[in-house]
Amino acid sequence: MHSSLWDRLPAELQWLVLDAAGPLTLFLAGRLDAKGDAVKRAVWADALRLDWEGHLACLPAVDLHAEQAMCVCSQRMYWRLKALGVAHSGVLVHAAARNRIHSELAALDPESRAEVAAASGCVPLLADLVAAGVAVEPWLGFRAAAFGQAVVVEWLARHLPASADMTGVMDAAVASGQAAVVERLHELRGCSCSSWAAAEAVQRRHTAAVALVVRLGLCDDIGQIARVAACVPGSTASLDALARAGHTHQLAMHADRAALGGPANLAWFATHLGGCFSTQALTAAAWAGKLASVEWLLRNIDGVDWDIAAAAAAADRSAVRAQTVELLHKHAASRRAQAGSRQ
């Protein structure tokens, strides 16, 4: 929109437009702080997905990844992007596969072309390559699952023999947070996932995928998921999923590890499991330099006889040792003063 026309809009209408705008519109309107690479790539992805007619060179400078190349939705945009030189050939092949520009894939061997086709969500190209002699193998689904290409994963699940092990595909989907792929693959093949994949999903805060893993019982090692969820900052959604599925016993076993996750995790355990902390919680927080957790425990949990000496000794390893030790000693002095006043 021309700047003069934009300026004539009432402020309320401008904000309504901006609220519904994507990264590209916000960037062009000067309303987006495009300093981080993730934000810059989001602007590019929006432009490529919309087959934007504007000057690509005016978009923020950043190296594009395969995820952005897969947003290219026309052969014309592919050639524009290639001419600009903002993505190397290993990334551009994904755009070529999605738009079936076979001449750009000719340098790849058939197996590599099949892998690119699978990762790019291009089932017709994958089917052509299989018809030409490329074997259908589970490894073709690894990157497809990681990129959320549910249609490819479904195609593989239907074409692989029943004896084929697709656990690796499920692991890739879970670890990458591709909840739709996780659900569909479970429906089609009844696949489970490894504990490392579930733990990775928790660490990356892929809460929808974690919730599916827990609800569908895709991982036998619930204790590992609870252990990781307790100590990952901001993982309360994963903790909620575990609690809803009735895994409070496993969570309680790892309550002290919540000190490593920060006040929000500690508050979750205090609210949902009544605290259930031991003296190790304070010691762990002091050892890890989690000053906010130390403060929270001392301020909110009264039913534990904290081992201040052990916590202070553990703080020697911490980068915030002085502040932690001072806080612990102040708390101990306050408790002694309170005990003296009662006498």
Protein backbone atom coordinates (compact mmCIF):
# COMPACT_ATOMS: atom_id res chain seq x y z
CA MET A 1 0.00 0.00 0.00
CA HIS A 2 1.28 3.47 -0.91
CA SER A 3 2.51 5.36 2.16
CA SER A 4 0.06 8.23 1.65
CA LEU A 5 -2.88 5.80 1.50
CA TRP A 6 -1.60 4.01 4.57
CA ASP A 7 -1.27 7.28 6.48
CA ARG A 8 -4.88 8.17 5.70
CA LEU A 9 -6.18 5.05 7.45
CA PRO A 10 -7.44 5.55 11.01
CA ALA A 11 -4.96 4.32 13.62
CA GLU A 12 -7.43 1.67 14.80
CA LEU A 13 -7.68 0.24 11.27
CA GLN A 14 -3.89 0.31 10.83
CA TRP A 15 -3.48 -1.83 13.95
CA LEU A 16 -6.18 -4.25 12.74
CA VAL A 17 -4.28 -4.69 9.48
CA LEU A 18 -0.94 -5.13 11.24
CA ASP A 19 -2.41 -7.65 13.69
CA ALA A 20 -3.37 -9.87 10.76
CA ALA A 21 -0.16 -9.24 8.82
CA GLY A 22 2.60 -11.77 8.28
CA PRO A 23 6.35 -11.22 8.70
CA LEU A 24 6.79 -9.85 5.16
CA THR A 25 4.11 -7.17 5.55
CA LEU A 26 5.39 -6.19 8.96
CA PHE A 27 8.93 -5.91 7.62
CA LEU A 28 7.90 -3.79 4.63
CA ALA A 29 5.83 -1.54 6.92
CA GLY A 30 8.84 -1.00 9.17
CA ARG A 31 7.07 -2.66 12.09
CA LEU A 32 9.35 -5.67 12.49
CA ASP A 33 12.70 -5.77 14.28
CA ALA A 34 14.54 -8.01 11.82
CA LYS A 35 17.84 -8.36 13.67
CA GLY A 36 17.88 -12.09 14.43
CA ASP A 37 18.45 -14.68 11.71
CA ALA A 38 15.25 -16.56 12.66
CA VAL A 39 13.15 -13.44 12.08
CA LYS A 40 14.93 -12.71 8.79
CA ARG A 41 14.27 -16.26 7.57
CA ALA A 42 10.60 -15.90 8.55
CA VAL A 43 10.35 -12.82 6.32
CA TRP A 44 11.90 -14.73 3.41
CA ALA A 45 9.64 -17.74 3.98
CA ASP A 46 6.59 -15.48 3.87
CA ALA A 47 7.77 -13.83 0.64
CA LEU A 48 8.50 -17.17 -1.04
CA ARG A 49 5.24 -18.73 0.14
CA LEU A 50 3.27 -15.76 -1.27
CA ASP A 51 5.24 -15.82 -4.56
CA TRP A 52 5.94 -12.16 -3.87
CA GLU A 53 6.42 -9.93 -6.91
CA GLY A 54 8.61 -7.36 -5.15
CA HIS A 55 12.38 -6.94 -5.19
CA LEU A 56 13.87 -9.87 -3.28
CA ALA A 57 17.12 -7.97 -2.84
CA CYS A 58 15.39 -5.58 -0.43
CA LEU A 59 14.65 -8.39 2.03
CA PRO A 60 16.98 -8.82 5.03
CA ALA A 61 20.31 -10.47 4.23
CA VAL A 62 20.57 -14.00 5.64
CA ASP A 63 21.62 -17.48 4.49
CA LEU A 64 18.50 -19.44 3.63
CA HIS A 65 17.95 -23.00 4.86
CA ALA A 66 16.02 -25.91 3.36
CA GLU A 67 12.88 -24.91 5.29
CA GLN A 68 12.75 -21.61 3.40
CA ALA A 69 13.56 -23.22 0.04
CA MET A 70 10.58 -25.53 0.50
CA CYS A 71 8.34 -22.44 0.59
CA VAL A 72 9.09 -21.70 -3.08
CA CYS A 73 5.85 -22.40 -4.89
CA SER A 74 6.60 -21.60 -8.53
CA GLN A 75 9.35 -22.25 -11.06
CA ARG A 76 9.55 -18.51 -11.73
CA MET A 77 10.36 -17.84 -8.07
CA TYR A 78 12.95 -20.64 -8.12
CA TRP A 79 14.89 -18.97 -10.94
CA ARG A 80 14.63 -15.56 -9.27
CA LEU A 81 15.98 -17.01 -6.04
CA LYS A 82 18.81 -18.82 -7.79
CA ALA A 83 19.83 -15.69 -9.68
CA LEU A 84 19.99 -13.73 -6.42
CA GLY A 85 22.50 -16.20 -4.92
CA VAL A 86 21.16 -16.16 -1.36
CA ALA A 87 20.95 -19.95 -1.08
CA HIS A 88 23.57 -22.54 -1.98
CA SER A 89 22.83 -25.43 -4.31
CA GLY A 90 22.32 -27.93 -1.48
CA VAL A 91 19.41 -25.83 -0.29
CA LEU A 92 17.99 -24.90 -3.69
CA VAL A 93 17.52 -28.55 -4.68
CA HIS A 94 14.57 -28.67 -2.28
CA ALA A 95 12.86 -25.85 -4.17
CA ALA A 96 13.69 -27.58 -7.46
CA ALA A 97 12.17 -30.84 -6.23
CA ARG A 98 8.98 -29.20 -4.99
CA ASN A 99 8.52 -27.47 -8.33
CA ARG A 100 9.65 -30.48 -10.39
CA ILE A 101 12.51 -28.72 -12.17
CA HIS A 102 14.20 -31.97 -13.20
CA SER A 103 17.09 -30.31 -15.00
CA GLU A 104 18.28 -28.86 -11.67
CA LEU A 105 18.35 -32.32 -10.08
CA ALA A 106 20.20 -34.08 -12.88
CA ALA A 107 23.58 -33.82 -11.13
CA LEU A 108 22.31 -35.88 -8.18
CA ASP A 109 22.37 -39.66 -8.12
CA PRO A 110 18.93 -41.35 -7.96
CA GLU A 111 19.11 -42.06 -4.21
CA SER A 112 20.00 -38.43 -3.43
CA ARG A 113 17.18 -37.23 -5.64
CA ALA A 114 14.81 -39.54 -3.80
CA GLU A 115 15.96 -38.19 -0.45
CA VAL A 116 15.50 -34.59 -1.61
CA ALA A 117 12.07 -35.43 -3.02
CA ALA A 118 11.02 -37.02 0.27
CA ALA A 119 12.33 -34.16 2.39
CA SER A 120 10.63 -31.63 0.09
CA GLY A 121 7.26 -33.38 0.22
CA CYS A 122 7.24 -34.20 -3.48
CA VAL A 123 5.47 -37.56 -3.69
CA PRO A 124 5.08 -37.59 -7.51
CA LEU A 125 8.83 -37.22 -8.02
CA LEU A 126 9.52 -39.82 -5.33
CA ALA A 127 7.08 -42.23 -6.98
CA ASP A 128 8.76 -41.68 -10.37
CA LEU A 129 12.18 -42.45 -8.91
CA VAL A 130 10.90 -45.59 -7.18
CA ALA A 131 9.31 -46.71 -10.45
CA ALA A 132 12.72 -46.19 -12.09
CA GLY A 133 14.38 -48.54 -9.62
CA VAL A 134 15.14 -46.66 -6.39
CA ALA A 135 14.37 -48.93 -3.44
CA VAL A 136 11.71 -47.85 -0.95
CA GLU A 137 13.53 -47.76 2.40
CA PRO A 138 12.63 -46.31 5.84
CA TRP A 139 15.61 -43.91 5.71
CA LEU A 140 13.77 -41.91 3.07
CA GLY A 141 11.36 -40.89 5.79
CA PHE A 142 13.91 -39.47 8.26
CA ARG A 143 14.20 -35.98 6.79
CA ALA A 144 10.63 -36.04 5.52
CA ALA A 145 9.42 -36.57 9.08
CA ALA A 146 11.77 -33.93 10.46
CA PHE A 147 10.41 -31.39 7.95
CA GLY A 148 6.79 -32.32 8.67
CA GLN A 149 6.09 -33.90 5.28
CA ALA A 150 3.15 -36.00 6.45
CA VAL A 151 2.09 -36.88 2.90
CA VAL A 152 5.49 -38.46 2.20
CA VAL A 153 5.54 -40.35 5.50
CA GLU A 154 2.05 -41.66 4.76
CA TRP A 155 3.14 -42.72 1.26
CA LEU A 156 6.13 -44.58 2.68
CA ALA A 157 4.04 -46.22 5.40
CA ARG A 158 1.70 -47.58 2.73
CA HIS A 159 4.46 -48.78 0.40
CA LEU A 160 6.94 -50.27 2.85
CA PRO A 161 6.44 -53.90 3.87
CA ALA A 162 4.77 -54.48 7.23
CA SER A 163 8.04 -55.85 8.60
CA ALA A 164 9.93 -52.56 7.94
CA ASP A 165 10.98 -50.79 11.14
CA MET A 166 9.86 -47.14 11.05
CA THR A 167 10.96 -46.27 14.58
CA GLY A 168 13.69 -44.01 13.17
CA VAL A 169 11.07 -42.08 11.20
CA MET A 170 8.93 -41.69 14.31
CA ASP A 171 11.98 -40.54 16.29
CA ALA A 172 12.71 -37.86 13.69
CA ALA A 173 9.10 -36.65 13.80
CA VAL A 174 8.96 -36.55 17.61
CA ALA A 175 12.35 -34.87 18.07
CA SER A 176 11.43 -32.23 15.47
CA GLY A 177 8.02 -31.57 17.00
CA GLN A 178 6.02 -32.66 13.95
CA ALA A 179 2.86 -33.61 15.84
CA ALA A 180 0.76 -34.26 12.71
CA VAL A 181 3.35 -36.73 11.41
CA VAL A 182 3.59 -38.42 14.82
CA GLU A 183 -0.16 -38.94 14.99
CA ARG A 184 -0.52 -40.15 11.41
CA LEU A 185 2.42 -42.55 11.62
CA HIS A 186 1.04 -44.03 14.82
CA GLU A 187 -2.34 -44.53 13.15
CA LEU A 188 -0.84 -46.22 10.11
CA ARG A 189 1.93 -48.32 11.63
CA GLY A 190 1.51 -48.26 15.41
CA CYS A 191 5.07 -46.98 15.78
CA SER A 192 6.63 -46.08 19.12
CA CYS A 193 9.54 -43.71 19.70
CA SER A 194 12.86 -43.85 21.55
CA SER A 195 13.36 -42.11 24.88
CA TRP A 196 16.06 -39.85 23.40
CA ALA A 197 13.57 -38.50 20.83
CA ALA A 198 10.96 -37.77 23.51
CA ALA A 199 13.60 -36.07 25.67
CA GLU A 200 14.73 -34.00 22.69
CA ALA A 201 11.14 -32.88 22.08
CA VAL A 202 10.87 -31.77 25.72
CA GLN A 203 14.16 -29.85 25.53
CA ARG A 204 13.04 -28.09 22.35
CA ARG A 205 9.64 -27.35 23.94
CA HIS A 206 7.68 -29.20 21.25
CA THR A 207 4.77 -29.48 23.63
CA ALA A 208 2.20 -30.82 21.13
CA ALA A 209 4.49 -33.69 20.16
CA VAL A 210 5.32 -34.42 23.81
CA ALA A 211 1.62 -34.47 24.69
CA LEU A 212 0.98 -37.00 21.91
CA VAL A 213 3.87 -39.22 22.99
CA VAL A 214 2.55 -39.29 26.53
CA ARG A 215 -1.15 -39.63 25.68
CA LEU A 216 -0.63 -42.38 23.09
CA GLY A 217 1.99 -44.19 25.18
CA LEU A 218 4.59 -44.06 22.42
CA CYS A 219 7.58 -44.20 24.80
CA ASP A 220 8.10 -46.85 27.47
CA ASP A 221 10.56 -44.75 29.48
CA ILE A 222 8.19 -42.20 31.03
CA GLY A 223 10.71 -41.68 33.83
CA GLN A 224 13.22 -40.24 31.35
CA ILE A 225 10.62 -37.82 29.99
CA ALA A 226 9.69 -36.74 33.52
CA ARG A 227 13.35 -36.32 34.46
CA VAL A 228 14.04 -34.03 31.52
CA ALA A 229 10.76 -32.11 31.80
CA ALA A 230 11.44 -31.31 35.46
CA CYS A 231 14.68 -29.48 34.74
CA VAL A 232 14.06 -27.82 31.35
CA PRO A 233 13.11 -24.15 31.87
CA GLY A 234 9.59 -23.35 30.73
CA SER A 235 8.51 -26.98 30.31
CA THR A 236 5.32 -26.69 32.33
CA ALA A 237 3.18 -27.74 29.33
CA SER A 238 5.08 -31.04 29.18
CA LEU A 239 4.64 -31.43 32.94
CA ASP A 240 0.91 -30.86 32.48
CA ALA A 241 0.78 -33.59 29.82
CA LEU A 242 2.52 -36.07 32.11
CA ALA A 243 0.23 -35.23 35.01
CA ARG A 244 -2.93 -35.57 32.86
CA ALA A 245 -1.76 -39.04 31.83
CA GLY A 246 -1.43 -40.05 35.50
CA HIS A 247 2.37 -40.05 35.75
CA THR A 248 2.54 -38.03 38.96
CA HIS A 249 4.61 -40.70 40.70
CA GLN A 250 7.40 -40.42 38.14
CA LEU A 251 7.22 -36.63 38.35
CA ALA A 252 7.46 -36.66 42.15
CA MET A 253 10.64 -38.71 41.91
CA HIS A 254 12.30 -35.85 40.02
CA ALA A 255 10.85 -32.88 41.91
CA ASP A 256 14.24 -31.69 43.16
CA ARG A 257 15.42 -31.35 39.55
CA ALA A 258 12.83 -28.62 39.06
CA ALA A 259 15.30 -26.32 40.82
CA LEU A 260 17.40 -26.51 37.65
CA GLY A 261 14.41 -25.43 35.60
CA GLY A 262 13.71 -22.25 37.50
CA PRO A 263 10.88 -20.73 39.56
CA ALA A 264 8.12 -21.59 37.05
CA ASN A 265 8.96 -25.31 37.25
CA LEU A 266 9.26 -25.17 41.05
CA ALA A 267 5.90 -23.42 41.30
CA TRP A 268 4.34 -26.13 39.12
CA PHE A 269 5.56 -28.89 41.42
CA ALA A 270 4.47 -26.97 44.51
CA THR A 271 1.00 -26.40 43.06
CA HIS A 272 0.35 -29.81 41.52
CA LEU A 273 2.31 -32.15 43.78
CA GLY A 274 2.40 -30.22 47.05
CA GLY A 275 6.08 -29.44 46.77
CA CYS A 276 7.62 -32.84 47.58
CA PHE A 277 11.09 -31.23 47.64
CA SER A 278 14.05 -32.49 49.64
CA THR A 279 17.14 -30.61 50.78
CA GLN A 280 18.76 -31.65 47.50
CA ALA A 281 16.63 -29.12 45.63
CA LEU A 282 18.38 -26.18 47.28
CA THR A 283 21.80 -27.77 46.92
CA ALA A 284 21.22 -28.47 43.23
CA ALA A 285 20.06 -24.91 42.60
CA ALA A 286 23.10 -23.49 44.38
CA TRP A 287 25.47 -25.83 42.55
CA ALA A 288 24.01 -24.86 39.15
CA GLY A 289 24.07 -21.13 39.93
CA LYS A 290 20.27 -20.87 39.72
CA LEU A 291 19.97 -17.87 42.02
CA ALA A 292 16.28 -17.34 41.17
CA SER A 293 15.54 -20.95 42.20
CA VAL A 294 17.45 -20.52 45.46
CA GLU A 295 15.45 -17.39 46.22
CA TRP A 296 12.16 -19.07 45.34
CA LEU A 297 12.80 -22.12 47.54
CA LEU A 298 13.88 -20.07 50.55
CA ARG A 299 10.90 -17.74 50.19
CA ASN A 300 8.13 -20.23 49.43
CA ILE A 301 8.97 -23.62 50.97
CA ASP A 302 8.89 -23.71 54.78
CA GLY A 303 8.47 -27.41 55.45
CA VAL A 304 12.02 -28.44 54.58
CA ASP A 305 14.98 -28.12 56.95
CA TRP A 306 17.38 -26.76 54.36
CA ASP A 307 21.02 -27.77 54.61
CA ILE A 308 22.45 -24.26 54.22
CA ALA A 309 26.04 -25.42 54.69
CA ALA A 310 25.77 -28.01 51.93
CA ALA A 311 24.11 -25.51 49.61
CA ALA A 312 26.78 -22.88 50.34
CA ALA A 313 29.51 -25.43 49.65
CA ALA A 314 27.84 -26.41 46.39
CA ALA A 315 27.73 -22.75 45.37
CA ASP A 316 31.54 -22.76 45.15
CA ARG A 317 31.11 -24.21 41.69
CA SER A 318 28.68 -21.49 40.67
CA ALA A 319 29.39 -18.36 38.66
CA VAL A 320 27.11 -16.42 41.02
CA ARG A 321 28.75 -17.83 44.16
CA ALA A 322 28.93 -14.57 46.12
CA GLN A 323 25.27 -13.68 45.66
CA THR A 324 24.14 -17.24 46.38
CA VAL A 325 26.21 -17.63 49.55
CA GLU A 326 25.10 -14.20 50.80
CA LEU A 327 21.46 -15.11 50.23
CA LEU A 328 21.86 -18.44 52.03
CA HIS A 329 23.59 -16.87 55.02
CA LYS A 330 20.95 -14.15 55.27
CA HIS A 331 18.26 -16.80 55.32
CA ALA A 332 20.08 -18.78 58.01
CA ALA A 333 20.51 -15.65 60.14
CA SER A 334 16.85 -14.79 59.73
CA ARG A 335 15.81 -18.26 60.83
CA ARG A 336 18.08 -18.05 63.90
CA ALA A 337 16.63 -14.68 64.81
CA GLN A 338 13.08 -16.02 64.50
CA ALA A 339 13.94 -19.01 66.69
CA GLY A 340 15.49 -16.70 69.31
CA SER A 341 12.43 -14.46 69.42
CA ARG A 342 10.17 -17.45 70.01
CA GLN A 343 12.30 -18.48 73.00
